Amino acid sequence: MRHVMTSSQLQKVRANLAALQALLDQRPARRSDEAPLLEFRRLCWGALLVVDDAECQQQIDLLVQYAKELFGGSGAAEGIKGKLEATIVACNARLDAVESGYGKRWRDLRAA
């Protein structure tokens, strides 16, 4: 069964992914801090609540796992940060694929 995400849902997920990327850009290297981890989880949860695509949900689950390592003060912060950024890119690409799968009518309605 194929589910259809609304334009509003897609925008919310993309906004949360952008906020996740901004949080990563602000994070100082090698510093254990619970506040950014909680914020990261909150943003991931917000995206999970509206996303209606199993592949994207799996990517968001990966983000939570990687964030635990990064914000937990792991010694390999740059490697984990790279994994997080790659996963955000993959999730955005999946959203693009989901959106493009709706066809010309969806794009016409979105542009209106």
PDB file of N, CA and C in Angstrom:
ATOM      1  N   MET A   1       0.840  -1.185   0.000  1.00  0.00           N
ATOM      2  CA  MET A   1       0.000   0.000   0.000  1.00  0.00           C
ATOM      3  C   MET A   1       0.884   1.248   0.000  1.00  0.00           C
ATOM      4  N   ARG A   2       0.615   2.134  -0.914  1.00  0.00           N
ATOM      5  CA  ARG A   2       1.418   3.344  -1.050  1.00  0.00           C
ATOM      6  C   ARG A   2       0.769   4.491  -0.303  1.00  0.00           C
ATOM      7  N   HIS A   3       1.563   5.149   0.511  1.00  0.00           N
ATOM      8  CA  HIS A   3       1.075   6.294   1.270  1.00  0.00           C
ATOM      9  C   HIS A   3       1.532   7.576   0.579  1.00  0.00           C
ATOM     10  N   VAL A   4       0.749   8.594   0.708  1.00  0.00           N
ATOM     11  CA  VAL A   4       1.070   9.871   0.090  1.00  0.00           C
ATOM     12  C   VAL A   4       1.313  10.893   1.187  1.00  0.00           C
ATOM     13  N   MET A   5       2.458  11.546   1.095  1.00  0.00           N
ATOM     14  CA  MET A   5       2.777  12.614   2.044  1.00  0.00           C
ATOM     15  C   MET A   5       2.318  13.932   1.438  1.00  0.00           C
ATOM     16  N   THR A   6       1.741  14.768   2.263  1.00  0.00           N
ATOM     17  CA  THR A   6       1.307  16.079   1.790  1.00  0.00           C
ATOM     18  C   THR A   6       2.514  17.005   1.652  1.00  0.00           C
ATOM     19  N   SER A   7       2.304  18.075   0.956  1.00  0.00           N
ATOM     20  CA  SER A   7       3.352  19.077   0.807  1.00  0.00           C
ATOM     21  C   SER A   7       3.769  19.619   2.170  1.00  0.00           C
ATOM     22  N   SER A   8       2.792  19.805   3.049  1.00  0.00           N
ATOM     23  CA  SER A   8       3.067  20.293   4.397  1.00  0.00           C
ATOM     24  C   SER A   8       3.949  19.311   5.166  1.00  0.00           C
ATOM     25  N   GLN A   9       3.660  18.025   5.047  1.00  0.00           N
ATOM     26  CA  GLN A   9       4.476  17.013   5.724  1.00  0.00           C
ATOM     27  C   GLN A   9       5.901  17.029   5.188  1.00  0.00           C
ATOM     28  N   LEU A  10       6.038  17.092   3.872  1.00  0.00           N
ATOM     29  CA  LEU A  10       7.376  17.143   3.279  1.00  0.00           C
ATOM     30  C   LEU A  10       8.148  18.363   3.770  1.00  0.00           C
ATOM     31  N   GLN A  11       7.485  19.504   3.841  1.00  0.00           N
ATOM     32  CA  GLN A  11       8.139  20.725   4.311  1.00  0.00           C
ATOM     33  C   GLN A  11       8.574  20.604   5.764  1.00  0.00           C
ATOM     34  N   LYS A  12       7.726  19.997   6.599  1.00  0.00           N
ATOM     35  CA  LYS A  12       8.074  19.833   8.012  1.00  0.00           C
ATOM     36  C   LYS A  12       9.292  18.931   8.172  1.00  0.00           C
ATOM     37  N   VAL A  13       9.326  17.835   7.435  1.00  0.00           N
ATOM     38  CA  VAL A  13      10.463  16.925   7.536  1.00  0.00           C
ATOM     39  C   VAL A  13      11.729  17.629   7.053  1.00  0.00           C
ATOM     40  N   ARG A  14      11.629  18.336   5.947  1.00  0.00           N
ATOM     41  CA  ARG A  14      12.798  19.062   5.425  1.00  0.00           C
ATOM     42  C   ARG A  14      13.268  20.134   6.399  1.00  0.00           C
ATOM     43  N   ALA A  15      12.333  20.814   7.041  1.00  0.00           N
ATOM     44  CA  ALA A  15      12.702  21.837   8.030  1.00  0.00           C
ATOM     45  C   ALA A  15      13.436  21.206   9.212  1.00  0.00           C
ATOM     46  N   ASN A  16      12.971  20.048   9.654  1.00  0.00           N
ATOM     47  CA  ASN A  16      13.649  19.369  10.758  1.00  0.00           C
ATOM     48  C   ASN A  16      15.035  18.896  10.335  1.00  0.00           C
ATOM     49  N   LEU A  17      15.164  18.403   9.118  1.00  0.00           N
ATOM     50  CA  LEU A  17      16.478  17.976   8.639  1.00  0.00           C
ATOM     51  C   LEU A  17      17.437  19.160   8.538  1.00  0.00           C
ATOM     52  N   ALA A  18      16.930  20.303   8.097  1.00  0.00           N
ATOM     53  CA  ALA A  18      17.768  21.508   8.029  1.00  0.00           C
ATOM     54  C   ALA A  18      18.190  21.947   9.431  1.00  0.00           C
ATOM     55  N   ALA A  19      17.282  21.839  10.390  1.00  0.00           N
ATOM     56  CA  ALA A  19      17.617  22.193  11.773  1.00  0.00           C
ATOM     57  C   ALA A  19      18.651  21.227  12.347  1.00  0.00           C
ATOM     58  N   LEU A  20      18.554  19.950  11.968  1.00  0.00           N
ATOM     59  CA  LEU A  20      19.560  18.972  12.405  1.00  0.00           C
ATOM     60  C   LEU A  20      20.931  19.340  11.855  1.00  0.00           C
ATOM     61  N   GLN A  21      20.966  19.723  10.575  1.00  0.00           N
ATOM     62  CA  GLN A  21      22.238  20.108   9.969  1.00  0.00           C
ATOM     63  C   GLN A  21      22.800  21.352  10.653  1.00  0.00           C
ATOM     64  N   ALA A  22      21.945  22.314  10.970  1.00  0.00           N
ATOM     65  CA  ALA A  22      22.396  23.525  11.664  1.00  0.00           C
ATOM     66  C   ALA A  22      22.951  23.189  13.041  1.00  0.00           C
ATOM     67  N   LEU A  23      22.323  22.256  13.718  1.00  0.00           N
ATOM     68  CA  LEU A  23      22.805  21.830  15.030  1.00  0.00           C
ATOM     69  C   LEU A  23      24.187  21.188  14.913  1.00  0.00           C
ATOM     70  N   LEU A  24      24.384  20.405  13.861  1.00  0.00           N
ATOM     71  CA  LEU A  24      25.705  19.802  13.640  1.00  0.00           C
ATOM     72  C   LEU A  24      26.756  20.865  13.343  1.00  0.00           C
ATOM     73  N   ASP A  25      26.364  21.867  12.571  1.00  0.00           N
ATOM     74  CA  ASP A  25      27.300  22.934  12.217  1.00  0.00           C
ATOM     75  C   ASP A  25      27.731  23.737  13.439  1.00  0.00           C
ATOM     76  N   GLN A  26      26.861  23.825  14.461  1.00  0.00           N
ATOM     77  CA  GLN A  26      27.161  24.593  15.670  1.00  0.00           C
ATOM     78  C   GLN A  26      27.957  23.805  16.693  1.00  0.00           C
ATOM     79  N   ARG A  27      27.938  22.489  16.597  1.00  0.00           N
ATOM     80  CA  ARG A  27      28.499  21.644  17.646  1.00  0.00           C
ATOM     81  C   ARG A  27      30.026  21.733  17.707  1.00  0.00           C
ATOM     82  N   PRO A  28      30.567  22.101  18.846  1.00  0.00           N
ATOM     83  CA  PRO A  28      32.026  22.071  19.009  1.00  0.00           C
ATOM     84  C   PRO A  28      32.515  20.620  19.029  1.00  0.00           C
ATOM     85  N   ALA A  29      33.666  20.385  18.470  1.00  0.00           N
ATOM     86  CA  ALA A  29      34.218  19.026  18.407  1.00  0.00           C
ATOM     87  C   ALA A  29      34.621  18.524  19.789  1.00  0.00           C
ATOM     88  N   ARG A  30      34.434  17.243  20.018  1.00  0.00           N
ATOM     89  CA  ARG A  30      34.885  16.513  21.213  1.00  0.00           C
ATOM     90  C   ARG A  30      34.346  17.067  22.524  1.00  0.00           C
ATOM     91  N   ARG A  31      33.094  17.394  22.547  1.00  0.00           N
ATOM     92  CA  ARG A  31      32.510  17.897  23.783  1.00  0.00           C
ATOM     93  C   ARG A  31      31.233  17.138  24.089  1.00  0.00           C
ATOM     94  N   SER A  32      31.221  16.453  25.209  1.00  0.00           N
ATOM     95  CA  SER A  32      30.039  15.721  25.623  1.00  0.00           C
ATOM     96  C   SER A  32      29.034  16.700  26.226  1.00  0.00           C
ATOM     97  N   ASP A  33      27.832  16.700  25.680  1.00  0.00           N
ATOM     98  CA  ASP A  33      26.817  17.628  26.153  1.00  0.00           C
ATOM     99  C   ASP A  33      25.448  17.031  25.880  1.00  0.00           C
ATOM    100  N   GLU A  34      24.633  16.942  26.915  1.00  0.00           N
ATOM    101  CA  GLU A  34      23.325  16.316  26.777  1.00  0.00           C
ATOM    102  C   GLU A  34      22.308  17.214  26.075  1.00  0.00           C
ATOM    103  N   ALA A  35      22.404  18.524  26.229  1.00  0.00           N
ATOM    104  CA  ALA A  35      21.414  19.442  25.644  1.00  0.00           C
ATOM    105  C   ALA A  35      21.320  19.303  24.118  1.00  0.00           C
ATOM    106  N   PRO A  36      22.449  19.304  23.384  1.00  0.00           N
ATOM    107  CA  PRO A  36      22.323  19.140  21.929  1.00  0.00           C
ATOM    108  C   PRO A  36      21.764  17.766  21.544  1.00  0.00           C
ATOM    109  N   LEU A  37      22.095  16.735  22.314  1.00  0.00           N
ATOM    110  CA  LEU A  37      21.558  15.406  22.027  1.00  0.00           C
ATOM    111  C   LEU A  37      20.041  15.403  22.190  1.00  0.00           C
ATOM    112  N   LEU A  38      19.544  16.028  23.245  1.00  0.00           N
ATOM    113  CA  LEU A  38      18.102  16.096  23.454  1.00  0.00           C
ATOM    114  C   LEU A  38      17.421  16.879  22.330  1.00  0.00           C
ATOM    115  N   GLU A  39      18.034  17.973  21.906  1.00  0.00           N
ATOM    116  CA  GLU A  39      17.479  18.768  20.810  1.00  0.00           C
ATOM    117  C   GLU A  39      17.500  17.963  19.509  1.00  0.00           C
ATOM    118  N   PHE A  40      18.587  17.247  19.274  1.00  0.00           N
ATOM    119  CA  PHE A  40      18.702  16.425  18.075  1.00  0.00           C
ATOM    120  C   PHE A  40      17.604  15.363  18.066  1.00  0.00           C
ATOM    121  N   ARG A  41      17.410  14.705  19.202  1.00  0.00           N
ATOM    122  CA  ARG A  41      16.353  13.689  19.305  1.00  0.00           C
ATOM    123  C   ARG A  41      14.975  14.302  19.101  1.00  0.00           C
ATOM    124  N   ARG A  42      14.745  15.486  19.650  1.00  0.00           N
ATOM    125  CA  ARG A  42      13.455  16.148  19.494  1.00  0.00           C
ATOM    126  C   ARG A  42      13.159  16.414  18.018  1.00  0.00           C
ATOM    127  N   LEU A  43      14.164  16.890  17.296  1.00  0.00           N
ATOM    128  CA  LEU A  43      13.995  17.162  15.870  1.00  0.00           C
ATOM    129  C   LEU A  43      13.754  15.876  15.077  1.00  0.00           C
ATOM    130  N   CYS A  44      14.473  14.821  15.445  1.00  0.00           N
ATOM    131  CA  CYS A  44      14.263  13.532  14.781  1.00  0.00           C
ATOM    132  C   CYS A  44      12.858  13.008  15.049  1.00  0.00           C
ATOM    133  N   TRP A  45      12.417  13.120  16.288  1.00  0.00           N
ATOM    134  CA  TRP A  45      11.069  12.666  16.645  1.00  0.00           C
ATOM    135  C   TRP A  45      10.023  13.459  15.868  1.00  0.00           C
ATOM    136  N   GLY A  46      10.225  14.762  15.751  1.00  0.00           N
ATOM    137  CA  GLY A  46       9.302  15.595  14.982  1.00  0.00           C
ATOM    138  C   GLY A  46       9.213  15.157  13.531  1.00  0.00           C
ATOM    139  N   ALA A  47      10.350  14.789  12.954  1.00  0.00           N
ATOM    140  CA  ALA A  47      10.349  14.304  11.572  1.00  0.00           C
ATOM    141  C   ALA A  47       9.655  12.949  11.473  1.00  0.00           C
ATOM    142  N   LEU A  48       9.925  12.072  12.421  1.00  0.00           N
ATOM    143  CA  LEU A  48       9.302  10.741  12.397  1.00  0.00           C
ATOM    144  C   LEU A  48       7.781  10.810  12.514  1.00  0.00           C
ATOM    145  N   LEU A  49       7.288  11.783  13.241  1.00  0.00           N
ATOM    146  CA  LEU A  49       5.838  11.911  13.422  1.00  0.00           C
ATOM    147  C   LEU A  49       5.114  12.216  12.119  1.00  0.00           C
ATOM    148  N   VAL A  50       5.776  12.878  11.181  1.00  0.00           N
ATOM    149  CA  VAL A  50       5.091  13.271   9.940  1.00  0.00           C
ATOM    150  C   VAL A  50       5.541  12.502   8.705  1.00  0.00           C
ATOM    151  N   VAL A  51       6.702  11.882   8.739  1.00  0.00           N
ATOM    152  CA  VAL A  51       7.185  11.192   7.542  1.00  0.00           C
ATOM    153  C   VAL A  51       6.412   9.884   7.367  1.00  0.00           C
ATOM    154  N   ASP A  52       6.020   9.618   6.139  1.00  0.00           N
ATOM    155  CA  ASP A  52       5.243   8.422   5.835  1.00  0.00           C
ATOM    156  C   ASP A  52       5.978   7.617   4.763  1.00  0.00           C
ATOM    157  N   ASP A  53       7.234   7.294   5.071  1.00  0.00           N
ATOM    158  CA  ASP A  53       8.059   6.528   4.148  1.00  0.00           C
ATOM    159  C   ASP A  53       9.036   5.701   4.977  1.00  0.00           C
ATOM    160  N   ALA A  54       8.980   4.393   4.797  1.00  0.00           N
ATOM    161  CA  ALA A  54       9.790   3.488   5.618  1.00  0.00           C
ATOM    162  C   ALA A  54      11.290   3.733   5.457  1.00  0.00           C
ATOM    163  N   GLU A  55      11.736   3.994   4.238  1.00  0.00           N
ATOM    164  CA  GLU A  55      13.164   4.215   4.010  1.00  0.00           C
ATOM    165  C   GLU A  55      13.650   5.476   4.722  1.00  0.00           C
ATOM    166  N   CYS A  56      12.864   6.519   4.656  1.00  0.00           N
ATOM    167  CA  CYS A  56      13.230   7.764   5.332  1.00  0.00           C
ATOM    168  C   CYS A  56      13.196   7.569   6.852  1.00  0.00           C
ATOM    169  N   GLN A  57      12.244   6.800   7.344  1.00  0.00           N
ATOM    170  CA  GLN A  57      12.174   6.511   8.772  1.00  0.00           C
ATOM    171  C   GLN A  57      13.427   5.769   9.234  1.00  0.00           C
ATOM    172  N   GLN A  58      13.917   4.848   8.429  1.00  0.00           N
ATOM    173  CA  GLN A  58      15.145   4.127   8.771  1.00  0.00           C
ATOM    174  C   GLN A  58      16.332   5.077   8.818  1.00  0.00           C
ATOM    175  N   GLN A  59      16.380   6.027   7.883  1.00  0.00           N
ATOM    176  CA  GLN A  59      17.467   7.005   7.878  1.00  0.00           C
ATOM    177  C   GLN A  59      17.426   7.865   9.148  1.00  0.00           C
ATOM    178  N   ILE A  60      16.232   8.243   9.572  1.00  0.00           N
ATOM    179  CA  ILE A  60      16.093   9.056  10.785  1.00  0.00           C
ATOM    180  C   ILE A  60      16.508   8.249  12.012  1.00  0.00           C
ATOM    181  N   ASP A  61      16.173   6.962  12.034  1.00  0.00           N
ATOM    182  CA  ASP A  61      16.633   6.094  13.127  1.00  0.00           C
ATOM    183  C   ASP A  61      18.160   6.059  13.182  1.00  0.00           C
ATOM    184  N   LEU A  62      18.792   5.998  12.023  1.00  0.00           N
ATOM    185  CA  LEU A  62      20.266   6.038  11.968  1.00  0.00           C
ATOM    186  C   LEU A  62      20.794   7.351  12.538  1.00  0.00           C
ATOM    187  N   LEU A  63      20.114   8.445  12.222  1.00  0.00           N
ATOM    188  CA  LEU A  63      20.543   9.741  12.751  1.00  0.00           C
ATOM    189  C   LEU A  63      20.576   9.730  14.271  1.00  0.00           C
ATOM    190  N   VAL A  64      19.566   9.141  14.884  1.00  0.00           N
ATOM    191  CA  VAL A  64      19.510   9.080  16.352  1.00  0.00           C
ATOM    192  C   VAL A  64      20.677   8.254  16.890  1.00  0.00           C
ATOM    193  N   GLN A  65      20.971   7.129  16.248  1.00  0.00           N
ATOM    194  CA  GLN A  65      22.077   6.271  16.694  1.00  0.00           C
ATOM    195  C   GLN A  65      23.414   7.000  16.585  1.00  0.00           C
ATOM    196  N   TYR A  66      23.638   7.648  15.454  1.00  0.00           N
ATOM    197  CA  TYR A  66      24.897   8.376  15.271  1.00  0.00           C
ATOM    198  C   TYR A  66      25.009   9.556  16.242  1.00  0.00           C
ATOM    199  N   ALA A  67      23.886  10.215  16.502  1.00  0.00           N
ATOM    200  CA  ALA A  67      23.904  11.366  17.411  1.00  0.00           C
ATOM    201  C   ALA A  67      24.313  10.948  18.815  1.00  0.00           C
ATOM    202  N   LYS A  68      23.884   9.763  19.239  1.00  0.00           N
ATOM    203  CA  LYS A  68      24.278   9.271  20.563  1.00  0.00           C
ATOM    204  C   LYS A  68      25.799   9.180  20.656  1.00  0.00           C
ATOM    205  N   GLU A  69      26.427   8.719  19.587  1.00  0.00           N
ATOM    206  CA  GLU A  69      27.885   8.608  19.562  1.00  0.00           C
ATOM    207  C   GLU A  69      28.540   9.992  19.533  1.00  0.00           C
ATOM    208  N   LEU A  70      28.020  10.868  18.677  1.00  0.00           N
ATOM    209  CA  LEU A  70      28.631  12.186  18.520  1.00  0.00           C
ATOM    210  C   LEU A  70      28.500  13.034  19.778  1.00  0.00           C
ATOM    211  N   PHE A  71      27.298  13.134  20.291  1.00  0.00           N
ATOM    212  CA  PHE A  71      27.067  14.005  21.437  1.00  0.00           C
ATOM    213  C   PHE A  71      27.435  13.338  22.758  1.00  0.00           C
ATOM    214  N   GLY A  72      27.812  12.075  22.692  1.00  0.00           N
ATOM    215  CA  GLY A  72      28.270  11.376  23.881  1.00  0.00           C
ATOM    216  C   GLY A  72      29.762  11.558  24.118  1.00  0.00           C
ATOM    217  N   GLY A  73      30.420  12.321  23.257  1.00  0.00           N
ATOM    218  CA  GLY A  73      31.837  12.599  23.441  1.00  0.00           C
ATOM    219  C   GLY A  73      32.760  11.560  22.849  1.00  0.00           C
ATOM    220  N   SER A  74      32.301  10.834  21.842  1.00  0.00           N
ATOM    221  CA  SER A  74      33.118   9.815  21.197  1.00  0.00           C
ATOM    222  C   SER A  74      34.391  10.443  20.618  1.00  0.00           C
ATOM    223  N   GLY A  75      35.455   9.693  20.636  1.00  0.00           N
ATOM    224  CA  GLY A  75      36.730  10.189  20.127  1.00  0.00           C
ATOM    225  C   GLY A  75      36.745  10.390  18.625  1.00  0.00           C
ATOM    226  N   ALA A  76      35.870   9.742  17.896  1.00  0.00           N
ATOM    227  CA  ALA A  76      35.842   9.825  16.434  1.00  0.00           C
ATOM    228  C   ALA A  76      34.755  10.793  15.975  1.00  0.00           C
ATOM    229  N   ALA A  77      34.712  11.972  16.581  1.00  0.00           N
ATOM    230  CA  ALA A  77      33.637  12.932  16.326  1.00  0.00           C
ATOM    231  C   ALA A  77      33.521  13.314  14.850  1.00  0.00           C
ATOM    232  N   GLU A  78      34.622  13.559  14.185  1.00  0.00           N
ATOM    233  CA  GLU A  78      34.551  13.991  12.786  1.00  0.00           C
ATOM    234  C   GLU A  78      34.008  12.888  11.886  1.00  0.00           C
ATOM    235  N   GLY A  79      34.391  11.645  12.132  1.00  0.00           N
ATOM    236  CA  GLY A  79      33.868  10.533  11.343  1.00  0.00           C
ATOM    237  C   GLY A  79      32.373  10.352  11.544  1.00  0.00           C
ATOM    238  N   ILE A  80      31.930  10.491  12.770  1.00  0.00           N
ATOM    239  CA  ILE A  80      30.510  10.350  13.083  1.00  0.00           C
ATOM    240  C   ILE A  80      29.732  11.530  12.502  1.00  0.00           C
ATOM    241  N   LYS A  81      30.309  12.708  12.594  1.00  0.00           N
ATOM    242  CA  LYS A  81      29.653  13.892  12.028  1.00  0.00           C
ATOM    243  C   LYS A  81      29.472  13.719  10.522  1.00  0.00           C
ATOM    244  N   GLY A  82      30.462  13.139   9.864  1.00  0.00           N
ATOM    245  CA  GLY A  82      30.359  12.864   8.431  1.00  0.00           C
ATOM    246  C   GLY A  82      29.242  11.876   8.124  1.00  0.00           C
ATOM    247  N   LYS A  83      29.097  10.858   8.981  1.00  0.00           N
ATOM    248  CA  LYS A  83      28.011   9.889   8.802  1.00  0.00           C
ATOM    249  C   LYS A  83      26.657  10.557   8.977  1.00  0.00           C
ATOM    250  N   LEU A  84      26.556  11.436   9.971  1.00  0.00           N
ATOM    251  CA  LEU A  84      25.306  12.161  10.194  1.00  0.00           C
ATOM    252  C   LEU A  84      24.952  13.026   8.986  1.00  0.00           C
ATOM    253  N   GLU A  85      25.931  13.755   8.479  1.00  0.00           N
ATOM    254  CA  GLU A  85      25.681  14.630   7.330  1.00  0.00           C
ATOM    255  C   GLU A  85      25.293  13.819   6.098  1.00  0.00           C
ATOM    256  N   ALA A  86      25.955  12.678   5.886  1.00  0.00           N
ATOM    257  CA  ALA A  86      25.622  11.820   4.744  1.00  0.00           C
ATOM    258  C   ALA A  86      24.202  11.259   4.880  1.00  0.00           C
ATOM    259  N   THR A  87      23.811  10.936   6.098  1.00  0.00           N
ATOM    260  CA  THR A  87      22.476  10.400   6.328  1.00  0.00           C
ATOM    261  C   THR A  87      21.414  11.475   6.110  1.00  0.00           C
ATOM    262  N   ILE A  88      21.693  12.700   6.509  1.00  0.00           N
ATOM    263  CA  ILE A  88      20.768  13.805   6.257  1.00  0.00           C
ATOM    264  C   ILE A  88      20.604  14.016   4.751  1.00  0.00           C
ATOM    265  N   VAL A  89      21.704  13.971   4.023  1.00  0.00           N
ATOM    266  CA  VAL A  89      21.652  14.104   2.564  1.00  0.00           C
ATOM    267  C   VAL A  89      20.834  12.959   1.957  1.00  0.00           C
ATOM    268  N   ALA A  90      21.053  11.743   2.438  1.00  0.00           N
ATOM    269  CA  ALA A  90      20.309  10.583   1.928  1.00  0.00           C
ATOM    270  C   ALA A  90      18.811  10.714   2.207  1.00  0.00           C
ATOM    271  N   CYS A  91      18.477  11.218   3.366  1.00  0.00           N
ATOM    272  CA  CYS A  91      17.068  11.395   3.718  1.00  0.00           C
ATOM    273  C   CYS A  91      16.423  12.466   2.833  1.00  0.00           C
ATOM    274  N   ASN A  92      17.128  13.547   2.600  1.00  0.00           N
ATOM    275  CA  ASN A  92      16.619  14.582   1.697  1.00  0.00           C
ATOM    276  C   ASN A  92      16.446  14.046   0.280  1.00  0.00           C
ATOM    277  N   ALA A  93      17.392  13.233  -0.158  1.00  0.00           N
ATOM    278  CA  ALA A  93      17.287  12.629  -1.493  1.00  0.00           C
ATOM    279  C   ALA A  93      16.072  11.707  -1.575  1.00  0.00           C
ATOM    280  N   ARG A  94      15.827  10.962  -0.501  1.00  0.00           N
ATOM    281  CA  ARG A  94      14.656  10.086  -0.473  1.00  0.00           C
ATOM    282  C   ARG A  94      13.371  10.910  -0.531  1.00  0.00           C
ATOM    283  N   LEU A  95      13.332  12.017   0.191  1.00  0.00           N
ATOM    284  CA  LEU A  95      12.154  12.889   0.129  1.00  0.00           C
ATOM    285  C   LEU A  95      11.939  13.417  -1.282  1.00  0.00           C
ATOM    286  N   ASP A  96      13.034  13.760  -1.969  1.00  0.00           N
ATOM    287  CA  ASP A  96      12.926  14.202  -3.364  1.00  0.00           C
ATOM    288  C   ASP A  96      12.338  13.093  -4.235  1.00  0.00           C
ATOM    289  N   ALA A  97      12.790  11.864  -4.014  1.00  0.00           N
ATOM    290  CA  ALA A  97      12.291  10.732  -4.792  1.00  0.00           C
ATOM    291  C   ALA A  97      10.819  10.479  -4.516  1.00  0.00           C
ATOM    292  N   VAL A  98      10.437  10.570  -3.252  1.00  0.00           N
ATOM    293  CA  VAL A  98       9.033  10.377  -2.884  1.00  0.00           C
ATOM    294  C   VAL A  98       8.186  11.453  -3.557  1.00  0.00           C
ATOM    295  N   GLU A  99       8.647  12.680  -3.472  1.00  0.00           N
ATOM    296  CA  GLU A  99       7.897  13.787  -4.059  1.00  0.00           C
ATOM    297  C   GLU A  99       7.805  13.668  -5.573  1.00  0.00           C
ATOM    298  N   SER A 100       8.891  13.314  -6.218  1.00  0.00           N
ATOM    299  CA  SER A 100       8.865  13.201  -7.681  1.00  0.00           C
ATOM    300  C   SER A 100       8.005  12.027  -8.129  1.00  0.00           C
ATOM    301  N   GLY A 101       7.828  11.044  -7.269  1.00  0.00           N
ATOM    302  CA  GLY A 101       6.983   9.904  -7.598  1.00  0.00           C
ATOM    303  C   GLY A 101       5.511  10.250  -7.665  1.00  0.00           C
ATOM    304  N   TYR A 102       5.146  11.416  -7.165  1.00  0.00           N
ATOM    305  CA  TYR A 102       3.743  11.813  -7.189  1.00  0.00           C
ATOM    306  C   TYR A 102       3.322  12.275  -8.580  1.00  0.00           C
ATOM    307  N   GLY A 103       4.293  12.521  -9.446  1.00  0.00           N
ATOM    308  CA  GLY A 103       3.977  12.856 -10.828  1.00  0.00           C
ATOM    309  C   GLY A 103       3.740  14.330 -11.077  1.00  0.00           C
ATOM    310  N   LYS A 104       3.423  14.615 -12.331  1.00  0.00           N
ATOM    311  CA  LYS A 104       3.254  15.981 -12.799  1.00  0.00           C
ATOM    312  C   LYS A 104       2.131  16.698 -12.050  1.00  0.00           C
ATOM    313  N   ARG A 105       1.054  16.024 -11.775  1.00  0.00           N
ATOM    314  CA  ARG A 105      -0.071  16.670 -11.103  1.00  0.00           C
ATOM    315  C   ARG A 105       0.349  17.231  -9.748  1.00  0.00           C
ATOM    316  N   TRP A 106       1.149  16.464  -9.003  1.00  0.00           N
ATOM    317  CA  TRP A 106       1.630  16.911  -7.689  1.00  0.00           C
ATOM    318  C   TRP A 106       2.479  18.180  -7.844  1.00  0.00           C
ATOM    319  N   ARG A 107       3.378  18.168  -8.818  1.00  0.00           N
ATOM    320  CA  ARG A 107       4.244  19.330  -9.021  1.00  0.00           C
ATOM    321  C   ARG A 107       3.411  20.545  -9.427  1.00  0.00           C
ATOM    322  N   ASP A 108       2.395  20.340 -10.272  1.00  0.00           N
ATOM    323  CA  ASP A 108       1.536  21.440 -10.671  1.00  0.00           C
ATOM    324  C   ASP A 108       0.766  22.016  -9.491  1.00  0.00           C
ATOM    325  N   LEU A 109       0.253  21.148  -8.641  1.00  0.00           N
ATOM    326  CA  LEU A 109      -0.482  21.603  -7.465  1.00  0.00           C
ATOM    327  C   LEU A 109       0.431  22.335  -6.491  1.00  0.00           C
ATOM    328  N   ARG A 110       1.644  21.814  -6.323  1.00  0.00           N
ATOM    329  CA  ARG A 110       2.595  22.439  -5.412  1.00  0.00           C
ATOM    330  C   ARG A 110       2.988  23.829  -5.895  1.00  0.00           C
ATOM    331  N   ALA A 111       3.109  23.994  -7.204  1.00  0.00           N
ATOM    332  CA  ALA A 111       3.516  25.275  -7.784  1.00  0.00           C
ATOM    333  C   ALA A 111       2.397  26.313  -7.723  1.00  0.00           C
ATOM    334  N   ALA A 112       1.179  25.862  -7.606  1.00  0.00           N
ATOM    335  CA  ALA A 112       0.027  26.779  -7.617  1.00  0.00           C
ATOM    336  C   ALA A 112      -0.049  27.618  -6.365  1.00  0.00           C
TER     337      ALA A 112
END
